[in-house]
Amino acid sequence: MNKQIDFEKIESKEGFHKAVAEILEFPKYYGKNLDALYDLLTEMDFSVIHLKNLDSLSKLGEYGASILTTFKDAAKYNPNLHILYRKEK
């Protein structure tokens, strides 16, 4: 799987979880919180996820930083998960 999440288009926590569930094709039971995100990311088969416009995470304050940490931690745990970071606008 090769997917892209563009943070420039995300305006809220709820918007992030809705977008990530759709983009990454999460099951309906996805809990729409960072613990649930971590759980599903660590269970993924081979995947490359491009995180684009990271500067836009600042709109979400501390939660934006926690989102990034969740992706980083999940990639450390799951050797099949590869995260690519792009700060461009």
N, C-alpha and C. Protein backbone atom coordinates (compact mmCIF):
# COMPACT_ATOMS: atom_id res chain seq x y z
N MET A 1 0.84 -1.17 0.00
CA MET A 1 0.00 0.00 0.00
C MET A 1 0.89 1.24 0.00
N ASN A 2 0.54 2.21 -0.81
CA ASN A 2 1.27 3.47 -0.89
C ASN A 2 0.23 4.59 -0.83
N LYS A 3 0.18 5.31 0.28
CA LYS A 3 -0.86 6.32 0.52
C LYS A 3 -0.24 7.65 0.93
N GLN A 4 -1.01 8.72 0.77
CA GLN A 4 -0.54 10.06 1.15
C GLN A 4 -1.59 10.75 2.02
N ILE A 5 -1.12 11.35 3.10
CA ILE A 5 -1.98 12.15 3.96
C ILE A 5 -1.47 13.59 3.88
N ASP A 6 -2.32 14.50 3.40
CA ASP A 6 -1.95 15.90 3.24
C ASP A 6 -2.54 16.69 4.40
N PHE A 7 -1.69 17.11 5.33
CA PHE A 7 -2.17 17.80 6.52
C PHE A 7 -2.67 19.21 6.24
N GLU A 8 -2.37 19.75 5.08
CA GLU A 8 -2.87 21.08 4.72
C GLU A 8 -4.40 21.09 4.65
N LYS A 9 -4.97 19.94 4.33
CA LYS A 9 -6.42 19.83 4.17
C LYS A 9 -7.14 19.48 5.47
N ILE A 10 -6.41 19.29 6.55
CA ILE A 10 -7.00 18.86 7.82
C ILE A 10 -7.08 20.03 8.77
N GLU A 11 -8.28 20.27 9.30
CA GLU A 11 -8.53 21.45 10.14
C GLU A 11 -8.81 21.13 11.60
N SER A 12 -9.05 19.86 11.94
CA SER A 12 -9.44 19.51 13.31
C SER A 12 -9.05 18.07 13.62
N LYS A 13 -9.14 17.72 14.91
CA LYS A 13 -8.89 16.32 15.32
C LYS A 13 -9.85 15.39 14.60
N GLU A 14 -11.12 15.77 14.63
CA GLU A 14 -12.15 14.94 14.01
C GLU A 14 -11.89 14.80 12.51
N GLY A 15 -11.50 15.91 11.88
CA GLY A 15 -11.19 15.88 10.45
C GLY A 15 -10.00 14.99 10.15
N PHE A 16 -9.00 14.99 11.04
CA PHE A 16 -7.85 14.12 10.86
C PHE A 16 -8.28 12.66 10.89
N HIS A 17 -9.04 12.29 11.92
CA HIS A 17 -9.41 10.87 12.06
C HIS A 17 -10.32 10.42 10.92
N LYS A 18 -11.20 11.30 10.47
CA LYS A 18 -12.06 10.95 9.33
C LYS A 18 -11.20 10.74 8.08
N ALA A 19 -10.27 11.66 7.84
CA ALA A 19 -9.41 11.56 6.65
C ALA A 19 -8.51 10.33 6.70
N VAL A 20 -7.86 10.10 7.84
CA VAL A 20 -6.92 8.98 7.93
C VAL A 20 -7.67 7.64 7.79
N ALA A 21 -8.87 7.56 8.34
CA ALA A 21 -9.65 6.32 8.23
C ALA A 21 -10.00 6.04 6.77
N GLU A 22 -10.34 7.09 6.04
CA GLU A 22 -10.69 6.93 4.63
C GLU A 22 -9.46 6.63 3.78
N ILE A 23 -8.41 7.41 3.96
CA ILE A 23 -7.19 7.26 3.14
C ILE A 23 -6.53 5.90 3.36
N LEU A 24 -6.44 5.48 4.62
CA LEU A 24 -5.76 4.22 4.93
C LEU A 24 -6.71 3.03 4.94
N GLU A 25 -7.97 3.28 4.60
CA GLU A 25 -8.97 2.22 4.49
C GLU A 25 -9.10 1.42 5.79
N PHE A 26 -9.22 2.15 6.89
CA PHE A 26 -9.38 1.50 8.19
C PHE A 26 -10.76 0.86 8.30
N PRO A 27 -10.88 -0.18 9.12
CA PRO A 27 -12.18 -0.82 9.32
C PRO A 27 -13.13 0.12 10.07
N LYS A 28 -14.42 -0.18 9.99
CA LYS A 28 -15.44 0.67 10.63
C LYS A 28 -15.26 0.77 12.13
N TYR A 29 -14.64 -0.21 12.75
CA TYR A 29 -14.48 -0.18 14.21
C TYR A 29 -13.35 0.75 14.67
N TYR A 30 -12.66 1.42 13.75
CA TYR A 30 -11.58 2.35 14.12
C TYR A 30 -12.10 3.33 15.16
N GLY A 31 -11.41 3.42 16.29
CA GLY A 31 -11.86 4.21 17.43
C GLY A 31 -11.68 5.71 17.34
N LYS A 32 -11.08 6.21 16.28
CA LYS A 32 -10.91 7.64 16.04
C LYS A 32 -10.20 8.35 17.19
N ASN A 33 -9.12 7.73 17.66
CA ASN A 33 -8.23 8.34 18.65
C ASN A 33 -6.82 7.84 18.36
N LEU A 34 -5.84 8.43 19.03
CA LEU A 34 -4.44 8.10 18.71
C LEU A 34 -4.05 6.69 19.13
N ASP A 35 -4.64 6.17 20.19
CA ASP A 35 -4.36 4.78 20.58
C ASP A 35 -4.85 3.81 19.50
N ALA A 36 -6.05 4.06 18.99
CA ALA A 36 -6.60 3.21 17.93
C ALA A 36 -5.77 3.35 16.65
N LEU A 37 -5.33 4.57 16.35
CA LEU A 37 -4.46 4.79 15.18
C LEU A 37 -3.19 3.97 15.31
N TYR A 38 -2.54 4.05 16.46
CA TYR A 38 -1.31 3.29 16.70
C TYR A 38 -1.55 1.80 16.51
N ASP A 39 -2.64 1.30 17.10
CA ASP A 39 -2.93 -0.14 16.99
C ASP A 39 -3.06 -0.58 15.54
N LEU A 40 -3.79 0.18 14.74
CA LEU A 40 -3.97 -0.22 13.34
C LEU A 40 -2.70 -0.04 12.52
N LEU A 41 -1.93 1.00 12.80
CA LEU A 41 -0.66 1.19 12.08
C LEU A 41 0.32 0.06 12.37
N THR A 42 0.35 -0.41 13.61
CA THR A 42 1.31 -1.47 13.96
C THR A 42 0.89 -2.83 13.42
N GLU A 43 -0.36 -2.95 12.96
CA GLU A 43 -0.84 -4.21 12.40
C GLU A 43 -0.79 -4.24 10.87
N MET A 44 -0.39 -3.13 10.25
CA MET A 44 -0.42 -3.05 8.78
C MET A 44 0.63 -3.94 8.14
N ASP A 45 0.25 -4.49 6.98
CA ASP A 45 1.22 -5.18 6.13
C ASP A 45 2.08 -4.13 5.47
N PHE A 46 2.95 -4.54 4.57
CA PHE A 46 3.88 -3.59 3.95
C PHE A 46 3.14 -2.36 3.45
N SER A 47 3.55 -1.21 3.96
CA SER A 47 2.89 0.05 3.62
C SER A 47 3.89 1.19 3.62
N VAL A 48 3.69 2.11 2.69
CA VAL A 48 4.44 3.36 2.66
C VAL A 48 3.40 4.48 2.79
N ILE A 49 3.58 5.31 3.79
CA ILE A 49 2.65 6.42 4.01
C ILE A 49 3.43 7.72 3.90
N HIS A 50 3.02 8.57 2.98
CA HIS A 50 3.63 9.88 2.79
C HIS A 50 2.84 10.88 3.62
N LEU A 51 3.51 11.55 4.55
CA LEU A 51 2.88 12.61 5.34
C LEU A 51 3.32 13.93 4.73
N LYS A 52 2.38 14.67 4.16
CA LYS A 52 2.69 15.88 3.39
C LYS A 52 2.22 17.13 4.14
N ASN A 53 2.98 18.23 3.97
CA ASN A 53 2.67 19.52 4.59
C ASN A 53 2.62 19.43 6.12
N LEU A 54 3.70 18.91 6.68
CA LEU A 54 3.78 18.73 8.13
C LEU A 54 3.63 20.04 8.89
N ASP A 55 4.03 21.16 8.30
CA ASP A 55 3.90 22.44 8.98
C ASP A 55 2.44 22.75 9.33
N SER A 56 1.52 22.21 8.57
CA SER A 56 0.10 22.44 8.81
C SER A 56 -0.40 21.76 10.08
N LEU A 57 0.39 20.83 10.62
CA LEU A 57 0.01 20.19 11.88
C LEU A 57 -0.09 21.20 13.02
N SER A 58 0.58 22.34 12.89
CA SER A 58 0.54 23.35 13.95
C SER A 58 -0.87 23.85 14.20
N LYS A 59 -1.77 23.72 13.22
CA LYS A 59 -3.17 24.11 13.39
C LYS A 59 -3.83 23.31 14.51
N LEU A 60 -3.31 22.13 14.75
CA LEU A 60 -3.91 21.24 15.75
C LEU A 60 -3.22 21.32 17.10
N GLY A 61 -2.25 22.21 17.23
CA GLY A 61 -1.56 22.40 18.51
C GLY A 61 -0.83 21.15 18.97
N GLU A 62 -0.93 20.87 20.27
CA GLU A 62 -0.28 19.69 20.86
C GLU A 62 -0.73 18.40 20.19
N TYR A 63 -1.99 18.36 19.77
CA TYR A 63 -2.52 17.15 19.15
C TYR A 63 -1.78 16.86 17.84
N GLY A 64 -1.42 17.90 17.12
CA GLY A 64 -0.66 17.72 15.88
C GLY A 64 0.68 17.06 16.14
N ALA A 65 1.36 17.49 17.20
CA ALA A 65 2.64 16.88 17.58
C ALA A 65 2.42 15.42 17.98
N SER A 66 1.33 15.14 18.67
CA SER A 66 1.03 13.77 19.09
C SER A 66 0.73 12.87 17.90
N ILE A 67 0.10 13.41 16.88
CA ILE A 67 -0.16 12.64 15.66
C ILE A 67 1.17 12.19 15.05
N LEU A 68 2.08 13.12 14.91
CA LEU A 68 3.39 12.81 14.33
C LEU A 68 4.13 11.77 15.16
N THR A 69 4.10 11.92 16.48
CA THR A 69 4.73 10.95 17.38
C THR A 69 4.12 9.57 17.21
N THR A 70 2.80 9.51 17.05
CA THR A 70 2.12 8.22 16.87
C THR A 70 2.61 7.52 15.61
N PHE A 71 2.73 8.26 14.51
CA PHE A 71 3.24 7.65 13.28
C PHE A 71 4.68 7.18 13.46
N LYS A 72 5.51 7.99 14.09
CA LYS A 72 6.92 7.62 14.30
C LYS A 72 7.03 6.37 15.17
N ASP A 73 6.29 6.34 16.27
CA ASP A 73 6.34 5.19 17.18
C ASP A 73 5.84 3.92 16.51
N ALA A 74 4.78 4.04 15.73
CA ALA A 74 4.24 2.86 15.04
C ALA A 74 5.24 2.32 14.03
N ALA A 75 5.94 3.21 13.33
CA ALA A 75 6.93 2.78 12.34
C ALA A 75 8.12 2.10 13.01
N LYS A 76 8.47 2.54 14.22
CA LYS A 76 9.56 1.89 14.96
C LYS A 76 9.16 0.46 15.34
N TYR A 77 7.91 0.28 15.71
CA TYR A 77 7.42 -1.03 16.15
C TYR A 77 7.17 -1.98 14.98
N ASN A 78 6.62 -1.45 13.89
CA ASN A 78 6.23 -2.27 12.75
C ASN A 78 7.25 -2.13 11.61
N PRO A 79 8.06 -3.15 11.37
CA PRO A 79 9.08 -3.06 10.32
C PRO A 79 8.50 -3.00 8.91
N ASN A 80 7.20 -3.29 8.76
CA ASN A 80 6.55 -3.22 7.45
C ASN A 80 6.00 -1.84 7.13
N LEU A 81 6.04 -0.94 8.10
CA LEU A 81 5.48 0.40 7.94
C LEU A 81 6.59 1.41 7.69
N HIS A 82 6.49 2.13 6.59
CA HIS A 82 7.49 3.13 6.22
C HIS A 82 6.80 4.48 6.09
N ILE A 83 7.28 5.45 6.85
CA ILE A 83 6.70 6.79 6.85
C ILE A 83 7.68 7.74 6.17
N LEU A 84 7.19 8.48 5.19
CA LEU A 84 7.99 9.50 4.50
C LEU A 84 7.41 10.86 4.86
N TYR A 85 8.27 11.79 5.25
CA TYR A 85 7.84 13.10 5.73
C TYR A 85 8.16 14.16 4.69
N ARG A 86 7.16 15.01 4.39
CA ARG A 86 7.35 16.10 3.42
C ARG A 86 6.79 17.38 4.02
N LYS A 87 7.65 18.38 4.19
CA LYS A 87 7.22 19.65 4.80
C LYS A 87 6.70 20.66 3.78
N GLU A 88 6.84 20.38 2.51
CA GLU A 88 6.51 21.36 1.47
C GLU A 88 5.06 21.81 1.51
N LYS A 89 4.84 22.95 0.93
CA LYS A 89 3.48 23.48 0.77
C LYS A 89 3.14 23.51 -0.69
